[in-house]
C-alpha cells in the first residue's frame, strides 16, 4: 500500500479496487482481474505468476519468552510452548508451525489460547504475548527493531513463503493487469 502512490502517479489512467482478506475468491464469478496469494497454490484452473519468495521468521514477544522461556530447539516447543493459531480459510484447521531442516520441513502443532483468520490479528496476537507465530520478516521488521518481538529458533527458520499473482485462464490478460503484475514483482523484489 505505501508504494501505490508511485504506481498511480506513473499510470494515472489505471484505477484499482483493492480488497483484503484471507479467504478464497472466485475470480471469474466475482469479476476480479487478479489476486495476490501467499502460500503454496492448489488451484490449477488459474494462471499464476510467482512474484516473491519471502523470508519468514518465528517470533514471540519478550513477555511471552519471559513466561515460557526461549526454546533452544524445535523439540523444546512441546514443553509448554503455545502458538497463536492461524486458521486455514480452506479447511478451517490451524496451520502448524513449519521449520526448514536439511532433510525437509518439520511441522509442529502447538496448543494456543486464540485462533485467528487474519494476518493483522496473527501478528497482534504475538505482540500481545499470546504465543509464537511465523510471518514474513518484512511484516515484523519494525517490531523486531523496536523490541516488541524477538526471533525464536533463528537457526531453524520456516521455509520461505511463495507469493503469486493469479489470473483466470478464461480471460485475456489486459495490458493494465500485466502492468500491475510487473509492478508487484518490482515491489516484492525491494521488500525481499
N, C-alpha and C. Protein backbone atom coordinates (compact mmCIF):
# COMPACT_ATOMS: atom_id res chain seq x y z
N UNK A 1 0.80 -1.20 0.00
CA UNK A 1 0.00 0.00 0.00
C UNK A 1 0.85 1.28 0.00
N UNK A 2 1.94 1.32 0.77
CA UNK A 2 2.74 2.55 0.75
C UNK A 2 3.33 2.88 -0.61
N UNK A 3 3.49 1.89 -1.47
CA UNK A 3 4.07 2.13 -2.79
C UNK A 3 3.03 2.46 -3.86
N UNK A 4 1.74 2.32 -3.56
CA UNK A 4 0.69 2.57 -4.55
C UNK A 4 0.70 3.99 -5.11
N UNK A 5 0.98 5.03 -4.32
CA UNK A 5 1.01 6.38 -4.93
C UNK A 5 1.98 6.47 -6.10
N UNK A 6 3.11 5.80 -6.01
CA UNK A 6 4.09 5.81 -7.11
C UNK A 6 3.50 5.13 -8.35
N UNK A 7 2.84 4.00 -8.14
CA UNK A 7 2.22 3.29 -9.26
C UNK A 7 1.15 4.16 -9.92
N UNK A 8 0.28 4.75 -9.12
CA UNK A 8 -0.82 5.55 -9.65
C UNK A 8 -0.32 6.83 -10.33
N UNK A 9 0.79 7.39 -9.83
CA UNK A 9 1.37 8.56 -10.49
C UNK A 9 1.94 8.17 -11.85
N UNK A 10 2.52 7.00 -11.92
CA UNK A 10 3.12 6.54 -13.18
C UNK A 10 2.06 6.10 -14.19
N UNK A 11 0.95 5.55 -13.68
CA UNK A 11 -0.13 5.05 -14.54
C UNK A 11 -1.46 5.67 -14.11
N UNK A 12 -1.65 6.96 -14.35
CA UNK A 12 -2.83 7.66 -13.84
C UNK A 12 -4.16 7.19 -14.44
N UNK A 13 -4.13 6.49 -15.54
CA UNK A 13 -5.39 6.03 -16.16
C UNK A 13 -5.83 4.67 -15.64
N UNK A 14 -5.02 4.04 -14.81
CA UNK A 14 -5.40 2.76 -14.21
C UNK A 14 -6.07 3.04 -12.87
N UNK A 15 -7.26 2.49 -12.70
CA UNK A 15 -7.98 2.60 -11.43
C UNK A 15 -7.97 1.23 -10.78
N UNK A 16 -7.75 1.21 -9.48
CA UNK A 16 -7.68 -0.04 -8.74
C UNK A 16 -8.78 -0.12 -7.70
N UNK A 17 -9.34 -1.28 -7.55
CA UNK A 17 -10.16 -1.61 -6.39
C UNK A 17 -9.39 -2.68 -5.67
N UNK A 18 -9.03 -2.43 -4.42
CA UNK A 18 -8.23 -3.38 -3.67
C UNK A 18 -9.04 -3.87 -2.47
N UNK A 19 -9.17 -5.16 -2.37
CA UNK A 19 -9.81 -5.78 -1.22
C UNK A 19 -8.78 -6.57 -0.46
N UNK A 20 -9.06 -6.82 0.79
CA UNK A 20 -8.13 -7.58 1.62
C UNK A 20 -8.90 -8.62 2.39
N UNK A 21 -8.32 -9.78 2.46
CA UNK A 21 -8.95 -10.85 3.23
C UNK A 21 -8.15 -12.11 3.09
N UNK A 22 -8.36 -13.00 4.01
CA UNK A 22 -7.66 -14.28 3.99
C UNK A 22 -8.63 -15.39 3.61
N UNK A 23 -9.47 -15.12 2.63
CA UNK A 23 -10.39 -16.12 2.12
C UNK A 23 -10.19 -16.24 0.61
N UNK A 24 -10.64 -17.35 0.09
CA UNK A 24 -10.51 -17.57 -1.34
C UNK A 24 -11.67 -16.92 -2.07
N UNK A 25 -11.37 -16.32 -3.20
CA UNK A 25 -12.40 -15.70 -4.02
C UNK A 25 -12.45 -16.40 -5.36
N UNK A 26 -13.62 -16.37 -5.97
CA UNK A 26 -13.81 -16.92 -7.31
C UNK A 26 -13.62 -15.75 -8.28
N UNK A 27 -12.45 -15.68 -8.90
CA UNK A 27 -12.12 -14.55 -9.75
C UNK A 27 -13.10 -14.39 -10.91
N UNK A 28 -13.46 -15.47 -11.56
CA UNK A 28 -14.35 -15.40 -12.71
C UNK A 28 -15.74 -14.95 -12.27
N UNK A 29 -16.31 -15.61 -11.29
CA UNK A 29 -17.67 -15.29 -10.85
C UNK A 29 -17.76 -13.88 -10.29
N UNK A 30 -16.71 -13.43 -9.57
CA UNK A 30 -16.75 -12.12 -8.92
C UNK A 30 -16.20 -11.00 -9.81
N UNK A 31 -15.75 -11.35 -11.03
CA UNK A 31 -15.28 -10.34 -11.96
C UNK A 31 -13.99 -9.66 -11.53
N UNK A 32 -13.11 -10.40 -10.90
CA UNK A 32 -11.85 -9.87 -10.40
C UNK A 32 -10.75 -10.17 -11.42
N UNK A 33 -9.94 -9.15 -11.72
CA UNK A 33 -8.88 -9.30 -12.72
C UNK A 33 -7.73 -10.17 -12.23
N UNK A 34 -7.31 -9.95 -10.99
CA UNK A 34 -6.20 -10.73 -10.45
C UNK A 34 -6.27 -10.73 -8.93
N UNK A 35 -5.55 -11.66 -8.35
CA UNK A 35 -5.49 -11.77 -6.90
C UNK A 35 -4.05 -12.10 -6.51
N UNK A 36 -3.65 -11.59 -5.38
CA UNK A 36 -2.32 -11.87 -4.85
C UNK A 36 -2.50 -12.91 -3.75
N UNK A 37 -1.84 -14.05 -3.90
CA UNK A 37 -1.99 -15.13 -2.92
C UNK A 37 -0.64 -15.50 -2.34
N UNK A 38 -0.65 -15.67 -1.03
CA UNK A 38 0.55 -16.11 -0.31
C UNK A 38 0.39 -17.59 0.01
N UNK A 39 1.49 -18.32 -0.06
CA UNK A 39 1.48 -19.75 0.24
C UNK A 39 1.49 -20.59 -1.02
N UNK A 40 1.53 -21.88 -0.80
CA UNK A 40 1.52 -22.82 -1.92
C UNK A 40 0.15 -22.77 -2.61
N UNK A 41 0.15 -22.88 -3.91
CA UNK A 41 -1.09 -22.77 -4.69
C UNK A 41 -1.66 -24.16 -4.97
N UNK A 42 -2.97 -24.25 -4.85
CA UNK A 42 -3.65 -25.51 -5.11
C UNK A 42 -4.59 -25.43 -6.30
N UNK A 43 -4.98 -24.23 -6.71
CA UNK A 43 -5.99 -24.05 -7.75
C UNK A 43 -5.34 -24.08 -9.13
N UNK A 44 -5.48 -25.20 -9.82
CA UNK A 44 -4.83 -25.34 -11.13
C UNK A 44 -5.63 -24.69 -12.25
N UNK A 45 -6.83 -24.18 -11.97
CA UNK A 45 -7.63 -23.56 -13.02
C UNK A 45 -7.22 -22.10 -13.26
N UNK A 46 -6.23 -21.62 -12.51
CA UNK A 46 -5.75 -20.25 -12.65
C UNK A 46 -4.35 -20.22 -13.26
N UNK A 47 -4.06 -19.10 -13.88
CA UNK A 47 -2.69 -18.85 -14.33
C UNK A 47 -2.00 -18.11 -13.19
N UNK A 48 -0.84 -18.59 -12.79
CA UNK A 48 -0.13 -17.99 -11.66
C UNK A 48 1.24 -17.52 -12.09
N UNK A 49 1.64 -16.40 -11.52
CA UNK A 49 2.99 -15.87 -11.74
C UNK A 49 3.58 -15.58 -10.37
N UNK A 50 4.65 -16.27 -10.03
CA UNK A 50 5.29 -16.03 -8.74
C UNK A 50 5.94 -14.65 -8.76
N UNK A 51 5.64 -13.87 -7.72
CA UNK A 51 6.22 -12.53 -7.63
C UNK A 51 7.24 -12.43 -6.51
N UNK A 52 7.24 -13.40 -5.59
CA UNK A 52 8.20 -13.32 -4.49
C UNK A 52 8.31 -14.66 -3.78
N UNK A 53 9.42 -14.81 -3.08
CA UNK A 53 9.65 -15.89 -2.15
C UNK A 53 10.15 -15.19 -0.90
N UNK A 54 9.27 -15.01 0.09
CA UNK A 54 9.55 -14.17 1.24
C UNK A 54 10.20 -14.95 2.39
N UNK A 55 11.27 -14.38 2.93
CA UNK A 55 11.91 -14.95 4.12
C UNK A 55 10.91 -14.85 5.28
N UNK A 56 10.80 -15.94 6.03
CA UNK A 56 9.91 -15.97 7.18
C UNK A 56 10.71 -16.15 8.46
N UNK A 57 10.10 -15.75 9.57
CA UNK A 57 10.71 -15.91 10.89
C UNK A 57 9.66 -16.40 11.87
N UNK A 58 10.12 -17.07 12.90
CA UNK A 58 9.29 -17.43 14.04
C UNK A 58 9.55 -16.38 15.10
N UNK A 59 8.49 -15.78 15.63
CA UNK A 59 8.65 -14.69 16.59
C UNK A 59 7.72 -14.85 17.78
N UNK A 60 8.12 -14.16 18.86
CA UNK A 60 7.30 -14.08 20.07
C UNK A 60 7.64 -12.77 20.76
N UNK A 61 6.78 -12.35 21.65
CA UNK A 61 7.03 -11.12 22.39
C UNK A 61 7.98 -11.41 23.55
N UNK A 62 8.67 -10.38 24.04
CA UNK A 62 9.53 -10.56 25.22
C UNK A 62 8.73 -11.08 26.42
N UNK A 63 7.49 -10.61 26.58
CA UNK A 63 6.66 -11.07 27.71
C UNK A 63 6.37 -12.57 27.60
N UNK A 64 6.07 -13.03 26.39
CA UNK A 64 5.84 -14.46 26.18
C UNK A 64 7.10 -15.25 26.53
N UNK A 65 8.25 -14.80 26.03
CA UNK A 65 9.50 -15.52 26.27
C UNK A 65 9.88 -15.50 27.75
N UNK A 66 9.52 -14.45 28.46
CA UNK A 66 9.77 -14.40 29.90
C UNK A 66 8.95 -15.45 30.64
N UNK A 67 7.70 -15.63 30.21
CA UNK A 67 6.81 -16.62 30.85
C UNK A 67 7.15 -18.05 30.46
N UNK A 68 7.48 -18.28 29.18
CA UNK A 68 7.62 -19.65 28.67
C UNK A 68 9.05 -20.06 28.35
N UNK A 69 9.97 -19.10 28.34
CA UNK A 69 11.36 -19.39 28.00
C UNK A 69 11.60 -19.33 26.51
N UNK A 70 12.86 -19.16 26.15
CA UNK A 70 13.27 -19.11 24.75
C UNK A 70 13.65 -20.53 24.34
N UNK A 71 12.87 -21.17 23.48
CA UNK A 71 13.15 -22.57 23.14
C UNK A 71 14.51 -22.72 22.45
N UNK A 72 15.28 -23.68 22.91
CA UNK A 72 16.61 -23.92 22.34
C UNK A 72 16.56 -24.82 21.11
N UNK A 73 15.44 -25.51 20.91
CA UNK A 73 15.31 -26.42 19.77
C UNK A 73 13.84 -26.58 19.42
N UNK A 74 13.60 -27.17 18.27
CA UNK A 74 12.22 -27.45 17.87
C UNK A 74 11.57 -28.40 18.87
N UNK A 75 12.33 -29.39 19.35
CA UNK A 75 11.77 -30.34 20.31
C UNK A 75 11.33 -29.65 21.60
N UNK A 76 11.99 -28.57 21.97
CA UNK A 76 11.64 -27.85 23.20
C UNK A 76 10.28 -27.16 23.08
N UNK A 77 9.77 -27.00 21.88
CA UNK A 77 8.47 -26.34 21.71
C UNK A 77 7.34 -27.13 22.37
N UNK A 78 7.48 -28.45 22.42
CA UNK A 78 6.41 -29.28 23.00
C UNK A 78 6.43 -29.25 24.53
N UNK A 79 7.35 -28.51 25.10
CA UNK A 79 7.46 -28.41 26.55
C UNK A 79 6.81 -27.12 27.05
N UNK A 80 5.51 -27.00 26.83
CA UNK A 80 4.76 -25.87 27.37
C UNK A 80 4.64 -24.65 26.49
N UNK A 81 5.15 -24.69 25.28
CA UNK A 81 5.01 -23.52 24.40
C UNK A 81 3.64 -23.50 23.75
N UNK A 82 3.24 -22.29 23.34
CA UNK A 82 1.93 -22.08 22.76
C UNK A 82 2.07 -21.28 21.46
N UNK A 83 1.06 -21.35 20.65
CA UNK A 83 1.05 -20.61 19.39
C UNK A 83 -0.22 -19.79 19.29
N UNK A 84 -0.15 -18.71 18.55
CA UNK A 84 -1.36 -18.06 18.07
C UNK A 84 -1.67 -18.85 16.80
N UNK A 85 -2.74 -19.58 16.81
CA UNK A 85 -3.01 -20.47 15.68
C UNK A 85 -3.72 -19.73 14.56
N UNK A 86 -3.21 -19.95 13.34
CA UNK A 86 -3.76 -19.33 12.15
C UNK A 86 -4.63 -20.35 11.43
N UNK A 87 -5.92 -20.03 11.28
CA UNK A 87 -6.84 -20.97 10.67
C UNK A 87 -6.81 -20.87 9.15
N UNK A 88 -6.76 -22.02 8.51
CA UNK A 88 -6.78 -22.08 7.05
C UNK A 88 -8.16 -21.67 6.55
N UNK A 89 -8.22 -20.77 5.56
CA UNK A 89 -9.52 -20.42 5.01
C UNK A 89 -10.16 -21.59 4.26
N UNK A 90 -9.34 -22.51 3.78
CA UNK A 90 -9.85 -23.65 3.02
C UNK A 90 -10.41 -24.75 3.91
N UNK A 91 -9.70 -25.03 5.02
CA UNK A 91 -10.08 -26.18 5.85
C UNK A 91 -10.66 -25.79 7.21
N UNK A 92 -10.39 -24.58 7.66
CA UNK A 92 -10.83 -24.18 8.99
C UNK A 92 -9.94 -24.72 10.10
N UNK A 93 -8.91 -25.45 9.75
CA UNK A 93 -7.98 -26.00 10.74
C UNK A 93 -6.76 -25.11 10.89
N UNK A 94 -6.12 -25.21 12.03
CA UNK A 94 -4.93 -24.41 12.30
C UNK A 94 -3.75 -24.91 11.47
N UNK A 95 -3.01 -23.95 10.90
CA UNK A 95 -1.76 -24.28 10.22
C UNK A 95 -0.72 -24.64 11.28
N UNK A 96 0.05 -25.70 11.07
CA UNK A 96 1.14 -25.98 12.01
C UNK A 96 2.29 -24.99 11.80
N UNK A 97 3.15 -24.87 12.79
CA UNK A 97 4.40 -24.14 12.59
C UNK A 97 5.27 -25.03 11.72
N UNK A 98 6.01 -24.43 10.80
CA UNK A 98 6.86 -25.19 9.89
C UNK A 98 8.30 -24.74 10.06
N UNK A 99 9.21 -25.71 10.02
CA UNK A 99 10.63 -25.41 10.16
C UNK A 99 11.39 -26.12 9.05
N UNK A 100 12.23 -25.36 8.33
CA UNK A 100 13.03 -25.91 7.24
C UNK A 100 14.29 -26.54 7.81
N UNK A 101 14.43 -27.84 7.60
CA UNK A 101 15.60 -28.57 8.06
C UNK A 101 16.33 -29.14 6.85
N UNK A 102 17.51 -29.62 7.05
CA UNK A 102 18.32 -30.17 5.95
C UNK A 102 17.60 -31.32 5.24
N UNK A 103 16.83 -32.11 5.99
CA UNK A 103 16.15 -33.26 5.41
C UNK A 103 14.68 -33.01 5.07
N UNK A 104 14.25 -31.75 5.08
CA UNK A 104 12.87 -31.44 4.73
C UNK A 104 12.24 -30.48 5.71
N UNK A 105 10.93 -30.38 5.64
CA UNK A 105 10.18 -29.48 6.51
C UNK A 105 9.58 -30.27 7.66
N UNK A 106 9.72 -29.74 8.86
CA UNK A 106 9.12 -30.37 10.04
C UNK A 106 7.97 -29.50 10.52
N UNK A 107 6.81 -30.12 10.70
CA UNK A 107 5.61 -29.43 11.19
C UNK A 107 5.44 -29.68 12.68
N UNK A 108 5.07 -28.61 13.39
CA UNK A 108 4.81 -28.71 14.83
C UNK A 108 3.48 -28.01 15.10
N UNK A 109 2.55 -28.76 15.69
CA UNK A 109 1.27 -28.18 16.07
C UNK A 109 1.29 -27.94 17.57
N UNK A 110 1.01 -26.70 17.94
CA UNK A 110 1.01 -26.33 19.36
C UNK A 110 -0.38 -25.88 19.78
N UNK A 111 -0.73 -26.10 21.03
CA UNK A 111 -1.99 -25.54 21.52
C UNK A 111 -1.85 -24.02 21.57
N UNK A 112 -2.99 -23.36 21.61
CA UNK A 112 -2.94 -21.91 21.69
C UNK A 112 -4.20 -21.35 22.32
N UNK A 113 -4.06 -20.22 22.98
CA UNK A 113 -5.22 -19.62 23.63
C UNK A 113 -6.17 -18.93 22.66
N UNK A 114 -5.70 -18.70 21.44
CA UNK A 114 -6.53 -18.00 20.46
C UNK A 114 -6.18 -18.49 19.06
N UNK A 115 -7.21 -18.53 18.21
CA UNK A 115 -7.02 -18.85 16.80
C UNK A 115 -7.58 -17.67 16.00
N UNK A 116 -6.91 -17.33 14.92
CA UNK A 116 -7.30 -16.18 14.10
C UNK A 116 -7.37 -16.58 12.64
N UNK A 117 -7.99 -15.70 11.84
CA UNK A 117 -8.04 -15.96 10.40
C UNK A 117 -7.60 -14.75 9.60
N UNK A 118 -6.82 -13.87 10.20
CA UNK A 118 -6.34 -12.68 9.52
C UNK A 118 -4.90 -12.38 9.89
N UNK A 119 -4.13 -11.91 8.91
CA UNK A 119 -2.70 -11.66 9.12
C UNK A 119 -2.44 -10.60 10.18
N UNK A 120 -3.25 -9.55 10.20
CA UNK A 120 -3.06 -8.49 11.20
C UNK A 120 -3.32 -9.03 12.61
N UNK A 121 -4.37 -9.81 12.75
CA UNK A 121 -4.69 -10.40 14.05
C UNK A 121 -3.61 -11.37 14.51
N UNK A 122 -3.04 -12.10 13.57
CA UNK A 122 -2.00 -13.07 13.86
C UNK A 122 -0.78 -12.38 14.48
N UNK A 123 -0.33 -11.32 13.83
CA UNK A 123 0.82 -10.56 14.36
C UNK A 123 0.47 -9.89 15.68
N UNK A 124 -0.73 -9.33 15.76
CA UNK A 124 -1.16 -8.66 17.00
C UNK A 124 -1.19 -9.64 18.17
N UNK A 125 -1.57 -10.88 17.91
CA UNK A 125 -1.59 -11.89 18.96
C UNK A 125 -0.20 -12.16 19.50
N UNK A 126 0.79 -12.19 18.62
CA UNK A 126 2.17 -12.39 19.07
C UNK A 126 2.64 -11.20 19.89
N UNK A 127 2.35 -9.99 19.43
CA UNK A 127 2.76 -8.79 20.17
C UNK A 127 2.11 -8.77 21.55
N UNK A 128 0.88 -9.26 21.64
CA UNK A 128 0.17 -9.30 22.92
C UNK A 128 0.68 -10.40 23.85
N UNK A 129 1.62 -11.22 23.38
CA UNK A 129 2.20 -12.26 24.23
C UNK A 129 1.42 -13.54 24.29
N UNK A 130 0.53 -13.76 23.30
CA UNK A 130 -0.33 -14.94 23.33
C UNK A 130 0.32 -16.21 22.80
N UNK A 131 1.46 -16.08 22.10
CA UNK A 131 2.11 -17.28 21.59
C UNK A 131 3.05 -16.97 20.44
N UNK A 132 3.63 -18.04 19.92
CA UNK A 132 4.55 -17.97 18.78
C UNK A 132 3.76 -17.81 17.48
N UNK A 133 4.34 -17.12 16.53
CA UNK A 133 3.78 -17.03 15.18
C UNK A 133 4.92 -17.10 14.17
N UNK A 134 4.57 -17.44 12.94
CA UNK A 134 5.53 -17.43 11.84
C UNK A 134 5.00 -16.51 10.76
N UNK A 135 5.80 -15.50 10.44
CA UNK A 135 5.38 -14.46 9.50
C UNK A 135 6.55 -14.08 8.59
N UNK A 136 6.24 -13.48 7.44
CA UNK A 136 7.32 -12.94 6.63
C UNK A 136 8.07 -11.85 7.42
N UNK A 137 9.38 -11.86 7.32
CA UNK A 137 10.20 -10.92 8.08
C UNK A 137 9.82 -9.47 7.82
N UNK A 138 9.52 -9.14 6.57
CA UNK A 138 9.19 -7.74 6.25
C UNK A 138 8.00 -7.25 7.07
N UNK A 139 7.05 -8.16 7.40
CA UNK A 139 5.83 -7.79 8.12
C UNK A 139 6.12 -7.34 9.55
N UNK A 140 7.20 -7.86 10.15
CA UNK A 140 7.50 -7.55 11.55
C UNK A 140 8.84 -6.83 11.71
N UNK A 141 9.37 -6.31 10.63
CA UNK A 141 10.68 -5.64 10.69
C UNK A 141 10.71 -4.55 11.76
N UNK A 142 9.69 -3.71 11.81
CA UNK A 142 9.63 -2.62 12.79
C UNK A 142 9.53 -3.16 14.22
N UNK A 143 8.70 -4.17 14.44
CA UNK A 143 8.53 -4.75 15.78
C UNK A 143 9.80 -5.45 16.25
N UNK A 144 10.56 -6.03 15.33
CA UNK A 144 11.83 -6.64 15.70
C UNK A 144 12.84 -5.55 16.07
N UNK A 145 12.84 -4.46 15.32
CA UNK A 145 13.78 -3.37 15.57
C UNK A 145 13.50 -2.66 16.89
N UNK A 146 12.21 -2.51 17.24
CA UNK A 146 11.90 -1.79 18.48
C UNK A 146 11.73 -2.71 19.70
N UNK A 147 11.95 -4.01 19.52
CA UNK A 147 11.92 -4.93 20.64
C UNK A 147 10.55 -5.46 21.03
N UNK A 148 9.51 -5.14 20.27
CA UNK A 148 8.18 -5.68 20.57
C UNK A 148 8.12 -7.19 20.31
N UNK A 149 8.93 -7.65 19.36
CA UNK A 149 9.00 -9.07 19.03
C UNK A 149 10.46 -9.50 18.94
N UNK A 150 10.69 -10.79 19.20
CA UNK A 150 12.03 -11.38 19.13
C UNK A 150 11.97 -12.61 18.23
N UNK A 151 13.04 -12.84 17.47
CA UNK A 151 13.12 -14.04 16.64
C UNK A 151 13.44 -15.22 17.53
N UNK A 152 12.74 -16.31 17.29
CA UNK A 152 12.91 -17.56 18.02
C UNK A 152 13.42 -18.61 17.03
N UNK A 153 14.32 -19.46 17.47
CA UNK A 153 14.86 -20.54 16.64
C UNK A 153 15.37 -20.01 15.29
N UNK A 154 16.20 -18.98 15.36
CA UNK A 154 16.71 -18.32 14.15
C UNK A 154 17.48 -19.28 13.24
N UNK A 155 18.11 -20.30 13.82
CA UNK A 155 18.89 -21.24 13.02
C UNK A 155 18.03 -22.33 12.37
N UNK A 156 16.74 -22.33 12.67
CA UNK A 156 15.81 -23.28 12.06
C UNK A 156 14.55 -22.52 11.61
N UNK A 157 14.70 -21.68 10.59
CA UNK A 157 13.59 -20.82 10.18
C UNK A 157 12.48 -21.58 9.45
N UNK A 158 11.34 -20.96 9.33
CA UNK A 158 10.29 -21.53 8.47
C UNK A 158 10.76 -21.48 7.02
N UNK A 159 10.20 -22.33 6.17
CA UNK A 159 10.53 -22.23 4.75
C UNK A 159 10.04 -20.90 4.19
N UNK A 160 10.66 -20.42 3.13
CA UNK A 160 10.20 -19.16 2.52
C UNK A 160 8.74 -19.28 2.06
N UNK A 161 8.04 -18.15 2.09
CA UNK A 161 6.64 -18.12 1.68
C UNK A 161 6.52 -17.64 0.24
N UNK A 162 5.99 -18.48 -0.65
CA UNK A 162 5.78 -18.02 -2.03
C UNK A 162 4.60 -17.06 -2.09
N UNK A 163 4.73 -16.06 -2.93
CA UNK A 163 3.64 -15.11 -3.19
C UNK A 163 3.45 -15.07 -4.70
N UNK A 164 2.21 -15.23 -5.13
CA UNK A 164 1.91 -15.29 -6.56
C UNK A 164 0.74 -14.37 -6.89
N UNK A 165 0.78 -13.82 -8.09
CA UNK A 165 -0.37 -13.11 -8.62
C UNK A 165 -1.06 -14.11 -9.55
N UNK A 166 -2.39 -14.20 -9.42
CA UNK A 166 -3.15 -15.20 -10.18
C UNK A 166 -4.21 -14.53 -11.03
N UNK A 167 -4.44 -15.13 -12.20
CA UNK A 167 -5.40 -14.61 -13.17
C UNK A 167 -6.30 -15.75 -13.61
N UNK A 168 -7.54 -15.45 -13.96
CA UNK A 168 -8.40 -16.50 -14.53
C UNK A 168 -7.89 -16.91 -15.91
N UNK A 169 -7.91 -18.20 -16.22
CA UNK A 169 -7.48 -18.68 -17.54
C UNK A 169 -8.42 -18.22 -18.64
N UNK A 170 -9.67 -18.06 -18.29
CA UNK A 170 -10.69 -17.77 -19.30
C UNK A 170 -10.59 -16.35 -19.85
N UNK A 171 -9.83 -15.49 -19.23
CA UNK A 171 -9.77 -14.10 -19.66
C UNK A 171 -8.48 -13.77 -20.37
N UNK A 172 -8.58 -12.89 -21.35
CA UNK A 172 -7.39 -12.33 -21.98
C UNK A 172 -6.75 -11.39 -20.97
N UNK A 173 -5.47 -11.53 -20.75
CA UNK A 173 -4.78 -10.69 -19.78
C UNK A 173 -4.58 -9.30 -20.38
N UNK A 174 -5.22 -8.32 -19.76
CA UNK A 174 -5.15 -6.96 -20.28
C UNK A 174 -3.79 -6.34 -19.98
N UNK A 175 -3.46 -5.30 -20.72
CA UNK A 175 -2.21 -4.59 -20.52
C UNK A 175 -2.15 -3.99 -19.11
N UNK A 176 -3.27 -3.49 -18.62
CA UNK A 176 -3.27 -2.88 -17.28
C UNK A 176 -2.99 -3.92 -16.19
N UNK A 177 -3.54 -5.13 -16.35
CA UNK A 177 -3.30 -6.18 -15.36
C UNK A 177 -1.85 -6.65 -15.46
N UNK A 178 -1.34 -6.79 -16.67
CA UNK A 178 0.06 -7.18 -16.86
C UNK A 178 0.99 -6.13 -16.26
N UNK A 179 0.67 -4.85 -16.46
CA UNK A 179 1.46 -3.75 -15.90
C UNK A 179 1.46 -3.81 -14.38
N UNK A 180 0.29 -4.06 -13.80
CA UNK A 180 0.19 -4.16 -12.35
C UNK A 180 0.99 -5.35 -11.82
N UNK A 181 0.91 -6.48 -12.51
CA UNK A 181 1.67 -7.66 -12.09
C UNK A 181 3.17 -7.41 -12.17
N UNK A 182 3.63 -6.75 -13.22
CA UNK A 182 5.06 -6.41 -13.33
C UNK A 182 5.48 -5.50 -12.19
N UNK A 183 4.62 -4.55 -11.82
CA UNK A 183 4.91 -3.65 -10.71
C UNK A 183 5.01 -4.43 -9.40
N UNK A 184 4.12 -5.41 -9.19
CA UNK A 184 4.18 -6.23 -7.98
C UNK A 184 5.52 -6.96 -7.87
N UNK A 185 6.02 -7.47 -8.99
CA UNK A 185 7.32 -8.13 -8.98
C UNK A 185 8.38 -7.17 -8.48
N UNK A 186 8.36 -5.94 -8.96
CA UNK A 186 9.36 -4.93 -8.53
C UNK A 186 9.22 -4.62 -7.04
N UNK A 187 7.99 -4.44 -6.57
CA UNK A 187 7.75 -4.11 -5.16
C UNK A 187 8.28 -5.22 -4.26
N UNK A 188 7.98 -6.45 -4.58
CA UNK A 188 8.43 -7.56 -3.73
C UNK A 188 9.94 -7.77 -3.84
N UNK A 189 10.54 -7.44 -4.95
CA UNK A 189 12.00 -7.51 -5.05
C UNK A 189 12.64 -6.53 -4.08
N UNK A 190 12.04 -5.36 -3.92
CA UNK A 190 12.54 -4.37 -2.98
C UNK A 190 12.31 -4.77 -1.53
N UNK A 191 11.19 -5.47 -1.25
CA UNK A 191 10.85 -5.88 0.10
C UNK A 191 11.80 -6.96 0.59
N UNK A 192 12.07 -7.94 -0.33
CA UNK A 192 12.89 -9.10 -0.05
C UNK A 192 13.88 -8.91 0.99
